[in-house]
């Protein structure tokens, strides 16, 4: 071992500071990527239409009255405000439990009702309004239906299973459900 050269390591503070290099290029790339990510997230919220709802429901009330024949009389009552500055509100989509219903009555500002059932079993009504309602205008309207095939039975006990229509992309300020 006499022929081996001795290796010197210098860990003095002066030498370590001299050899230490801050990775400026990596930090610059990291900052650029963070800015791009923030820009994408902000861009999604600015472009996504669900981030800016077209309408607002000020008041949504559902009145349900069970009848002796097992059907339900259901009154949907709305106070609705369009928010879209570019498109007028001309109809409202209201979901129903199943296709076995009859429209009993509706407010005067509804001119017609189109009933739909798609291939997946989803049922709804398009309530066509009497005029175009623009951003900031508020309208009140109602529709009353008689819904059949809602009475269920389990272990000999009758019960109703009912979920009123919902509005995924329309905020609701006030919701009230009445079971008479």
Protein backbone atom coordinates (compact mmCIF):
# COMPACT_ATOMS: atom_id res chain seq x y z
CA UNK A 1 0.00 0.00 0.00
CA UNK A 2 2.95 2.24 -0.07
CA UNK A 3 2.45 3.00 -3.78
CA UNK A 4 -1.12 4.23 -3.46
CA UNK A 5 -1.62 7.90 -3.87
CA UNK A 6 -3.38 9.65 -1.13
CA UNK A 7 -6.63 11.34 -2.21
CA UNK A 8 -7.39 14.64 -0.60
CA UNK A 9 -10.92 15.82 -0.03
CA UNK A 10 -11.44 19.44 0.68
CA UNK A 11 -14.71 20.14 2.50
CA UNK A 12 -13.87 23.57 3.68
CA UNK A 13 -16.66 26.13 3.62
CA UNK A 14 -14.83 28.16 1.00
CA UNK A 15 -14.46 25.19 -1.36
CA UNK A 16 -18.07 24.01 -0.90
CA UNK A 17 -19.42 27.48 -1.64
CA UNK A 18 -17.24 27.74 -4.73
CA UNK A 19 -18.43 24.38 -6.09
CA UNK A 20 -22.11 24.80 -5.22
CA UNK A 21 -24.10 26.04 -8.19
CA UNK A 22 -27.72 27.08 -8.03
CA UNK A 23 -29.69 25.31 -10.83
CA UNK A 24 -31.09 28.51 -12.39
CA UNK A 25 -32.26 26.81 -15.61
CA UNK A 26 -34.30 24.21 -13.70
CA UNK A 27 -35.95 26.86 -11.54
CA UNK A 28 -36.86 28.94 -14.59
CA UNK A 29 -38.52 25.90 -16.21
CA UNK A 30 -40.37 25.13 -12.98
CA UNK A 31 -41.72 28.70 -12.78
CA UNK A 32 -42.81 28.56 -16.44
CA UNK A 33 -44.64 25.25 -15.88
CA UNK A 34 -46.41 26.59 -12.78
CA UNK A 35 -47.55 29.68 -14.70
CA UNK A 36 -48.85 27.49 -17.54
CA UNK A 37 -50.77 25.28 -15.11
CA UNK A 38 -52.36 28.26 -13.41
CA UNK A 39 -53.26 29.68 -16.82
CA UNK A 40 -54.93 26.41 -17.86
CA UNK A 41 -57.00 26.23 -14.67
CA UNK A 42 -58.12 29.85 -15.00
CA UNK A 43 -58.84 29.31 -18.70
CA UNK A 44 -61.06 26.32 -17.97
CA UNK A 45 -63.17 28.38 -15.57
CA UNK A 46 -63.45 31.22 -18.09
CA UNK A 47 -64.40 28.93 -20.98
CA UNK A 48 -66.51 26.33 -19.13
CA UNK A 49 -70.20 27.30 -19.54
CA UNK A 50 -71.16 25.57 -16.30
CA UNK A 51 -68.89 28.01 -14.46
CA UNK A 52 -71.24 30.78 -15.68
CA UNK A 53 -74.82 29.51 -15.43
CA UNK A 54 -77.32 30.66 -18.06
CA UNK A 55 -80.11 31.03 -15.52
CA UNK A 56 -80.80 31.23 -11.81
CA UNK A 57 -83.76 29.78 -9.95
CA UNK A 58 -84.72 32.25 -7.24
CA UNK A 59 -87.40 29.99 -5.80
CA UNK A 60 -88.25 26.36 -6.53
CA UNK A 61 -91.25 24.86 -4.76
CA UNK A 62 -92.72 21.38 -5.15
CA UNK A 63 -96.14 20.53 -3.71
CA UNK A 64 -97.08 16.82 -3.72
CA UNK A 65 -100.58 15.58 -2.89
CA UNK A 66 -101.15 11.80 -2.83
CA UNK A 67 -104.54 10.76 -4.28
CA UNK A 68 -106.75 7.83 -3.24
CA UNK A 69 -105.99 6.02 -6.51
CA UNK A 70 -102.23 6.02 -5.70
CA UNK A 71 -101.33 8.78 -8.15
CA UNK A 72 -99.63 12.02 -7.13
CA UNK A 73 -100.71 15.54 -7.96
CA UNK A 74 -97.42 17.44 -8.26
CA UNK A 75 -97.20 21.20 -8.58
CA UNK A 76 -93.86 22.67 -9.66
CA UNK A 77 -93.68 26.40 -8.94
CA UNK A 78 -90.69 28.53 -10.05
CA UNK A 79 -89.32 32.05 -9.83
CA UNK A 80 -86.67 32.11 -12.56
CA UNK A 81 -84.12 34.70 -13.72
CA UNK A 82 -82.18 34.41 -16.99
CA UNK A 83 -78.50 35.39 -16.66
CA UNK A 84 -77.19 34.86 -20.20
CA UNK A 85 -76.64 38.22 -21.94
CA UNK A 86 -76.46 36.56 -25.37
CA UNK A 87 -79.46 34.24 -25.38
CA UNK A 88 -83.07 34.77 -24.34
CA UNK A 89 -84.95 32.21 -22.26
CA UNK A 90 -87.80 30.76 -24.36
CA UNK A 91 -88.46 27.42 -22.65
CA UNK A 92 -87.66 25.52 -19.47
CA UNK A 93 -86.81 21.81 -19.24
CA UNK A 94 -88.54 20.04 -16.34
CA UNK A 95 -87.87 16.36 -15.62
CA UNK A 96 -90.63 13.99 -14.55
CA UNK A 97 -90.49 10.61 -12.81
CA UNK A 98 -91.90 8.46 -15.63
CA UNK A 99 -93.91 8.84 -18.85
CA UNK A 100 -97.23 8.08 -17.12
CA UNK A 101 -98.37 11.59 -16.29
CA UNK A 102 -101.01 14.07 -17.38
CA UNK A 103 -100.61 17.84 -17.39
CA UNK A 104 -103.47 19.17 -15.26
CA UNK A 105 -102.85 22.93 -15.34
CA UNK A 106 -100.15 25.53 -15.97
CA UNK A 107 -99.60 29.27 -15.69
CA UNK A 108 -100.65 31.71 -18.39
CA UNK A 109 -97.05 32.55 -19.35
CA UNK A 110 -96.60 28.96 -20.59
CA UNK A 111 -97.94 28.71 -24.15
CA UNK A 112 -97.35 25.01 -24.79
CA UNK A 113 -95.82 21.91 -23.28
CA UNK A 114 -93.89 19.29 -25.22
CA UNK A 115 -93.51 15.90 -23.57
CA UNK A 116 -90.45 13.73 -24.21
CA UNK A 117 -89.20 10.26 -23.36
CA UNK A 118 -85.78 9.30 -24.70
CA UNK A 119 -84.41 5.83 -25.46
CA UNK A 120 -82.84 5.68 -21.98
CA UNK A 121 -86.17 6.18 -20.20
CA UNK A 122 -85.55 9.80 -19.19
CA UNK A 123 -88.77 11.78 -19.29
CA UNK A 124 -89.19 15.53 -19.31
CA UNK A 125 -91.39 18.41 -20.39
CA UNK A 126 -90.31 21.50 -22.29
CA UNK A 127 -92.39 24.39 -20.99
CA UNK A 128 -92.52 26.94 -23.84
CA UNK A 129 -92.86 30.49 -22.56
CA UNK A 130 -95.10 33.28 -23.86
CA UNK A 131 -92.19 35.54 -24.84
CA UNK A 132 -88.43 35.81 -24.80
CA UNK A 133 -87.10 36.61 -21.33
CA UNK A 134 -83.75 38.40 -21.22
CA UNK A 135 -80.93 38.76 -18.73
CA UNK A 136 -82.14 40.15 -15.41
CA UNK A 137 -85.88 39.71 -16.09
CA UNK A 138 -87.65 37.53 -13.54
CA UNK A 139 -90.63 35.36 -14.30
CA UNK A 140 -92.89 33.22 -12.15
CA UNK A 141 -94.59 30.13 -13.55
CA UNK A 142 -96.03 26.80 -12.49
CA UNK A 143 -97.12 23.48 -13.92
CA UNK A 144 -99.32 20.85 -12.24
CA UNK A 145 -99.22 17.22 -13.29
CA UNK A 146 -100.88 14.02 -12.15
CA UNK A 147 -98.14 11.38 -11.94
CA UNK A 148 -99.12 7.70 -12.14
CA UNK A 149 -97.16 4.55 -11.19
CA UNK A 150 -95.46 6.07 -8.16
CA UNK A 151 -96.92 3.90 -5.40
CA UNK A 152 -94.48 1.13 -4.44
CA UNK A 153 -94.77 -1.82 -2.09
CA UNK A 154 -92.24 -3.65 0.06
CA UNK A 155 -93.09 -6.42 2.51
CA UNK A 156 -96.77 -5.62 2.07
CA UNK A 157 -96.26 -1.97 3.03
CA UNK A 158 -97.10 0.74 0.47
CA UNK A 159 -94.77 3.71 0.06
CA UNK A 160 -93.86 6.41 -2.43
CA UNK A 161 -90.40 6.87 -3.85
CA UNK A 162 -90.18 10.28 -5.49
CA UNK A 163 -87.35 12.63 -6.41
CA UNK A 164 -88.42 15.98 -7.92
CA UNK A 165 -86.67 17.25 -11.02
CA UNK A 166 -83.27 18.80 -10.45
CA UNK A 167 -81.16 21.32 -12.30
CA UNK A 168 -77.47 20.40 -12.43
CA UNK A 169 -76.14 23.58 -14.01
CA UNK A 170 -78.66 26.08 -12.63
CA UNK A 171 -78.13 27.43 -9.12
CA UNK A 172 -81.16 27.46 -6.83
CA UNK A 173 -81.45 30.15 -4.16
CA UNK A 174 -84.47 28.70 -2.34
CA UNK A 175 -85.94 25.18 -2.51
CA UNK A 176 -89.00 23.96 -0.64
CA UNK A 177 -90.67 20.55 -0.84
CA UNK A 178 -94.18 20.07 0.56
CA UNK A 179 -95.79 16.66 1.01
CA UNK A 180 -99.47 17.18 1.79
